[in-house]
Protein backbone atom coordinates (compact mmCIF):
# COMPACT_ATOMS: atom_id res chain seq x y z
CA MET A 1 -73.16 -207.88 -93.26
CA HIS A 2 -72.81 -209.71 -97.09
CA LYS A 3 -69.03 -210.79 -96.94
CA ILE A 4 -69.12 -212.04 -101.44
CA ALA A 5 -68.88 -208.66 -103.57
CA PHE A 6 -69.09 -211.00 -106.64
CA GLN A 7 -67.35 -214.47 -108.28
CA LEU A 8 -64.77 -214.73 -110.65
CA GLY A 9 -65.76 -217.95 -111.65
CA SER A 10 -64.57 -220.47 -108.80
CA ILE A 11 -63.19 -217.70 -106.89
CA SER A 12 -65.00 -215.51 -104.52
CA ILE A 13 -63.97 -212.01 -104.19
CA HIS A 14 -64.63 -210.37 -100.55
CA TRP A 15 -66.47 -207.39 -99.78
CA TYR A 16 -63.72 -206.45 -97.55
CA GLY A 17 -60.40 -206.72 -99.75
CA VAL A 18 -62.63 -204.49 -102.40
CA LEU A 19 -63.34 -202.01 -99.94
CA LEU A 20 -59.59 -202.20 -98.39
CA ALA A 21 -57.97 -201.15 -101.85
CA ALA A 22 -60.48 -198.67 -102.35
CA GLY A 23 -59.35 -196.91 -99.32
CA PHE A 24 -55.95 -197.58 -100.21
CA LEU A 25 -56.28 -196.12 -103.74
CA ALA A 26 -58.17 -192.96 -102.63
CA GLY A 27 -55.41 -192.41 -100.12
CA LEU A 28 -52.77 -192.94 -102.56
CA TRP A 29 -54.36 -190.89 -105.34
CA THR A 30 -55.02 -188.10 -102.77
CA ALA A 31 -51.99 -188.19 -101.31
CA SER A 32 -50.09 -187.69 -104.84
CA ARG A 33 -52.53 -184.63 -105.74
CA ARG A 34 -50.88 -183.40 -102.56
CA ALA A 35 -47.01 -184.16 -102.78
CA HIS A 36 -46.65 -181.16 -105.71
CA LEU A 37 -47.31 -178.32 -102.81
CA GLU A 38 -43.68 -180.43 -100.63
CA LYS A 39 -42.02 -180.53 -103.78
CA ILE A 40 -42.28 -184.28 -104.02
CA PRO A 41 -42.93 -185.69 -107.31
CA ALA A 42 -46.49 -187.48 -106.95
CA GLU A 43 -44.57 -190.85 -109.13
CA LYS A 44 -42.65 -190.99 -105.44
CA ILE A 45 -45.93 -191.18 -103.80
CA ILE A 46 -47.55 -194.02 -106.42
CA ASP A 47 -43.74 -195.85 -106.17
CA ALA A 48 -44.05 -195.83 -102.22
CA GLY A 49 -47.19 -197.28 -102.52
CA THR A 50 -46.51 -201.07 -102.78
CA TRP A 51 -43.63 -200.55 -99.69
CA LEU A 52 -46.87 -199.09 -98.05
CA ILE A 53 -49.00 -201.73 -98.52
CA VAL A 54 -46.97 -204.31 -97.83
CA GLY A 55 -45.77 -203.11 -94.80
CA ALA A 56 -49.17 -202.40 -93.79
CA VAL A 57 -50.89 -206.19 -94.43
CA VAL A 58 -47.58 -207.47 -92.66
CA GLY A 59 -48.03 -205.25 -89.81
CA ALA A 60 -51.88 -205.80 -89.45
CA ARG A 61 -52.22 -209.37 -89.95
CA PHE A 62 -48.74 -209.72 -87.67
CA LEU A 63 -50.78 -207.88 -84.69
CA TYR A 64 -54.69 -209.71 -85.63
CA VAL A 65 -52.71 -212.95 -85.42
CA VAL A 66 -51.24 -212.33 -82.00
CA SER A 67 -54.35 -210.37 -80.42
CA TYR A 68 -56.71 -213.17 -81.71
CA TRP A 69 -54.36 -216.68 -81.45
CA ASP A 70 -56.80 -218.65 -79.47
CA ARG A 71 -59.98 -217.61 -81.39
CA LEU A 72 -57.78 -218.86 -84.72
CA PHE A 73 -56.53 -222.05 -83.23
CA SER A 74 -59.27 -222.91 -81.08
CA SER A 75 -61.83 -222.75 -83.67
CA PRO A 76 -63.61 -226.40 -85.13
CA LEU A 77 -63.66 -224.67 -88.36
CA LEU A 78 -59.84 -224.38 -89.29
CA PRO A 79 -58.21 -226.93 -91.78
CA GLN A 80 -56.15 -229.62 -91.17
CA ALA A 81 -52.93 -227.54 -91.17
CA PRO A 82 -54.33 -224.67 -89.00
CA TRP A 83 -50.91 -222.46 -89.30
CA THR A 84 -52.14 -222.03 -92.94
CA GLU A 85 -54.59 -219.42 -91.50
CA VAL A 86 -51.89 -217.16 -90.43
CA PHE A 87 -52.14 -215.71 -94.01
CA MET A 88 -55.75 -216.29 -94.67
CA VAL A 89 -56.37 -212.43 -95.11
CA GLN A 90 -58.69 -212.64 -97.87
CA ARG A 91 -61.36 -213.51 -94.88
CA GLY A 92 -60.84 -210.39 -92.92
CA GLY A 93 -58.40 -210.23 -89.82
CA LEU A 94 -56.31 -207.20 -89.92
CA VAL A 95 -55.54 -204.85 -87.21
CA PHE A 96 -55.62 -201.13 -88.39
CA TYR A 97 -52.77 -200.33 -85.19
CA GLY A 98 -50.52 -202.94 -86.88
CA GLY A 99 -51.11 -202.01 -90.25
CA LEU A 100 -50.40 -198.19 -88.99
CA LEU A 101 -46.76 -199.52 -87.46
CA GLY A 102 -46.00 -201.84 -90.97
CA ALA A 103 -46.90 -198.95 -92.89
CA ILE A 104 -44.70 -196.07 -91.02
CA GLY A 105 -41.70 -198.54 -90.87
CA SER A 106 -42.02 -198.93 -94.59
CA GLY A 107 -42.28 -195.68 -95.07
CA VAL A 108 -39.44 -194.63 -93.25
CA LEU A 109 -37.30 -196.95 -95.43
CA PHE A 110 -38.98 -195.63 -98.78
CA ALA A 111 -38.39 -192.12 -97.96
CA TRP A 112 -34.60 -192.61 -96.61
CA ARG A 113 -34.24 -195.08 -99.75
CA ASN A 114 -35.53 -192.31 -102.13
CA LYS A 115 -34.10 -189.18 -100.36
CA ILE A 116 -37.22 -187.91 -99.66
CA PRO A 117 -37.63 -185.76 -96.54
CA LEU A 118 -39.51 -187.57 -94.03
CA TRP A 119 -41.67 -185.24 -92.10
CA LYS A 120 -42.71 -183.93 -95.55
CA PHE A 121 -43.43 -187.23 -96.77
CA ALA A 122 -45.32 -188.06 -93.62
CA ASP A 123 -47.35 -185.00 -93.82
CA VAL A 124 -48.47 -185.62 -97.22
CA MET A 125 -49.55 -189.24 -96.61
CA ALA A 126 -51.14 -188.37 -92.97
CA PRO A 127 -54.46 -187.14 -94.35
CA SER A 128 -54.44 -190.08 -96.75
CA ILE A 129 -54.47 -192.65 -93.86
CA ALA A 130 -57.60 -191.06 -92.63
CA LEU A 131 -59.21 -191.19 -95.92
CA GLY A 132 -58.32 -194.89 -96.50
CA TYR A 133 -59.82 -196.14 -93.14
CA VAL A 134 -63.00 -194.85 -94.20
CA PRO A 135 -64.43 -197.37 -96.61
CA GLY A 136 -61.74 -199.84 -94.72
CA ARG A 137 -64.50 -200.03 -91.60
CA LEU A 138 -66.98 -200.35 -93.99
CA GLY A 139 -65.70 -203.78 -95.27
CA CYS A 140 -65.36 -204.71 -91.65
CA LEU A 141 -68.94 -203.97 -91.67
CA MET A 142 -70.09 -206.11 -94.90
CA ASN A 143 -67.69 -208.97 -93.40
CA GLY A 144 -69.25 -208.90 -89.77
CA CYS A 145 -66.19 -208.03 -87.75
CA CYS A 146 -65.34 -205.22 -85.68
CA TYR A 147 -69.01 -204.56 -83.97
CA GLY A 148 -70.11 -203.04 -81.01
CA TYR A 149 -71.62 -204.40 -77.85
CA GLN A 150 -75.18 -204.84 -77.17
CA THR A 151 -77.77 -202.32 -77.57
CA ASP A 152 -81.65 -201.00 -77.84
CA LEU A 153 -80.82 -197.87 -80.05
CA LEU A 154 -82.48 -196.52 -82.70
CA TRP A 155 -79.53 -196.84 -85.08
CA ALA A 156 -78.70 -200.44 -83.57
CA ILE A 157 -77.58 -202.72 -86.63
CA HIS A 158 -78.50 -206.50 -86.49
CA PHE A 159 -76.05 -209.36 -88.09
CA PRO A 160 -77.37 -212.11 -89.31
CA ALA A 161 -78.83 -215.20 -86.54
CA ASP A 162 -75.76 -217.53 -87.20
CA HIS A 163 -73.32 -214.38 -86.37
CA GLU A 164 -71.66 -214.33 -83.31
CA THR A 165 -74.18 -211.61 -81.88
CA HIS A 166 -76.95 -213.93 -82.83
CA GLY A 167 -79.14 -210.90 -84.47
CA VAL A 168 -79.49 -208.75 -81.22
CA GLY A 169 -78.90 -205.01 -81.67
CA VAL A 170 -74.97 -204.29 -81.52
CA HIS A 171 -73.22 -200.55 -81.68
CA PRO A 172 -72.18 -200.11 -85.26
CA THR A 173 -68.86 -199.30 -84.44
CA GLN A 174 -67.81 -199.70 -87.68
CA LEU A 175 -70.06 -196.62 -88.73
CA TYR A 176 -68.69 -194.60 -86.27
CA ASP A 177 -65.21 -195.04 -87.35
CA SER A 178 -65.65 -194.50 -90.78
CA PHE A 179 -67.76 -191.11 -89.93
CA LEU A 180 -64.72 -189.71 -87.42
CA SER A 181 -62.45 -191.13 -89.71
CA LEU A 182 -63.96 -188.80 -92.97
CA LEU A 183 -63.96 -185.98 -90.60
CA LEU A 184 -60.85 -186.47 -89.31
CA TYR A 185 -59.33 -186.50 -92.90
CA LEU A 186 -61.25 -183.48 -93.75
CA PHE A 187 -59.35 -181.48 -90.91
CA LEU A 188 -55.85 -182.89 -91.71
CA ALA A 189 -56.55 -182.02 -95.34
CA TRP A 190 -57.43 -178.39 -94.02
CA LEU A 191 -54.51 -178.33 -91.60
CA PHE A 192 -51.91 -179.35 -94.18
CA ARG A 193 -52.11 -176.05 -95.75
CA ARG A 194 -51.86 -173.96 -93.33
CA LYS A 195 -49.02 -176.28 -91.20
CA ARG A 196 -46.31 -174.33 -88.95
CA PHE A 197 -43.63 -176.74 -89.22
CA ASP A 198 -42.69 -180.41 -91.09
CA GLY A 199 -44.39 -183.30 -89.32
CA GLN A 200 -46.81 -181.37 -87.61
CA VAL A 201 -50.06 -182.73 -89.72
CA PHE A 202 -48.49 -186.13 -88.77
CA ALA A 203 -48.12 -185.19 -85.55
CA VAL A 204 -51.83 -184.62 -85.22
CA TYR A 205 -52.85 -187.26 -86.70
CA LEU A 206 -51.99 -189.27 -84.48
CA ILE A 207 -53.17 -187.71 -81.36
CA CYS A 208 -56.29 -187.40 -82.90
CA TYR A 209 -57.00 -191.06 -84.25
CA ALA A 210 -55.37 -192.15 -80.94
CA LEU A 211 -58.40 -190.40 -79.19
CA THR A 212 -60.90 -191.33 -82.03
CA ARG A 213 -59.97 -194.49 -81.81
CA SER A 214 -60.14 -194.67 -77.70
CA LEU A 215 -64.07 -193.27 -77.90
CA VAL A 216 -64.95 -195.85 -80.58
CA GLU A 217 -63.31 -198.70 -78.69
CA THR A 218 -65.84 -198.08 -75.56
CA PHE A 219 -68.52 -199.64 -77.61
CA ARG A 220 -66.52 -202.12 -78.88
CA GLY A 221 -67.88 -206.08 -78.17
CA ASP A 222 -65.79 -208.49 -80.15
CA TYR A 223 -62.54 -208.53 -77.49
CA PRO A 224 -62.07 -212.15 -76.27
CA VAL A 225 -60.21 -210.22 -73.74
CA ARG A 226 -59.95 -206.79 -71.95
CA TYR A 227 -58.06 -205.11 -69.05
CA LEU A 228 -59.20 -203.30 -65.75
CA GLY A 229 -62.05 -204.96 -64.96
CA GLY A 230 -63.55 -205.03 -68.57
CA VAL A 231 -62.96 -201.35 -69.59
CA ALA A 232 -59.83 -200.96 -71.64
CA THR A 233 -59.89 -203.07 -75.06
CA PRO A 234 -56.27 -203.78 -76.15
CA ALA A 235 -56.47 -201.14 -79.11
CA HIS A 236 -56.83 -198.75 -75.66
CA VAL A 237 -53.48 -200.13 -74.82
CA VAL A 238 -52.32 -198.86 -78.06
CA SER A 239 -54.34 -195.97 -78.27
CA VAL A 240 -52.35 -194.48 -75.27
CA ILE A 241 -48.81 -195.45 -76.71
CA ILE A 242 -49.47 -193.94 -79.88
CA LEU A 243 -51.25 -190.64 -78.13
CA LEU A 244 -47.99 -190.03 -76.19
CA GLY A 245 -46.10 -190.72 -79.18
CA GLY A 246 -47.76 -188.02 -81.00
CA LEU A 247 -47.20 -185.75 -78.41
CA ILE A 248 -43.90 -186.38 -78.08
CA LEU A 249 -43.28 -185.83 -81.67
CA PHE A 250 -45.34 -183.03 -81.95
CA TRP A 251 -43.25 -180.89 -79.53
CA LYS A 252 -39.94 -182.17 -80.37
CA LEU A 253 -40.70 -180.90 -84.34
CA ARG A 254 -42.16 -178.18 -83.36
CA ALA A 255 -39.20 -176.79 -80.97
CA GLY A 256 -36.74 -174.52 -82.96
CA LYS A 257 -38.81 -176.14 -86.42
CA GLU A 258 -41.52 -173.51 -86.81
CA LEU A 259 -41.66 -172.26 -90.53
CA PRO A 260 -42.03 -168.52 -90.81
CA SER A 261 -45.26 -168.56 -91.91
CA ALA A 262 -47.52 -171.06 -93.27
CA ALA A 263 -48.06 -169.32 -97.04
CA GLN A 264 -44.22 -169.16 -97.23
CA ASN A 265 -43.90 -173.16 -97.25
CA ARG A 266 -46.88 -173.51 -99.69
């Protein structure tokens, strides 16, 4: 755990922000390279970047503030005007599902405004969402958030003694998420060139991410609130919704819209 990447005079640049930015740029670049296969100009993908990052940050921060309201505004470390903490994203505190929903909303608006076929655009972006999540979760590791519950396994990680975990070994859930997201990116990039209908890659992303996230959530130890006797986290609840949405989307888009062959669309 090391929050500060470097100093620019009196300004501290956090690893959390650096790695989030790296993930976003990597995702945007790979999407722009993929776009020509759907006859979408690469510059349109780059133009979408501003829309997507604003939607993602606003959505991610909003869901974080809602989920951790008590922790944020009952801490003695907060400034005199605690409402300003809502905007302090440089210290971490972004919930991926909120960012995903925010980015989807802004992406839909961008595609509509620029007359880009929505499901082709979604398929181009889907693998890149998974790729961007890889360094993003490493940012969580450097920031000391999103940690797992206590364990004695050989691969347990130990944060500093003044961390919330008090230096005990915990599951490296950030690394679990990063690894599974990398595998998901590779799978979706492979599927993109073999898809049978527009929207398939995006729907499969929603399904697979909901499943992998639910798996990792079983090892999370940082939630102040849990459900079903402590078994389910808030992200489990959202995962069920995303999973159902992905399954319904896959079924609806596939019905009557399957392409004659994968090669014909490439």
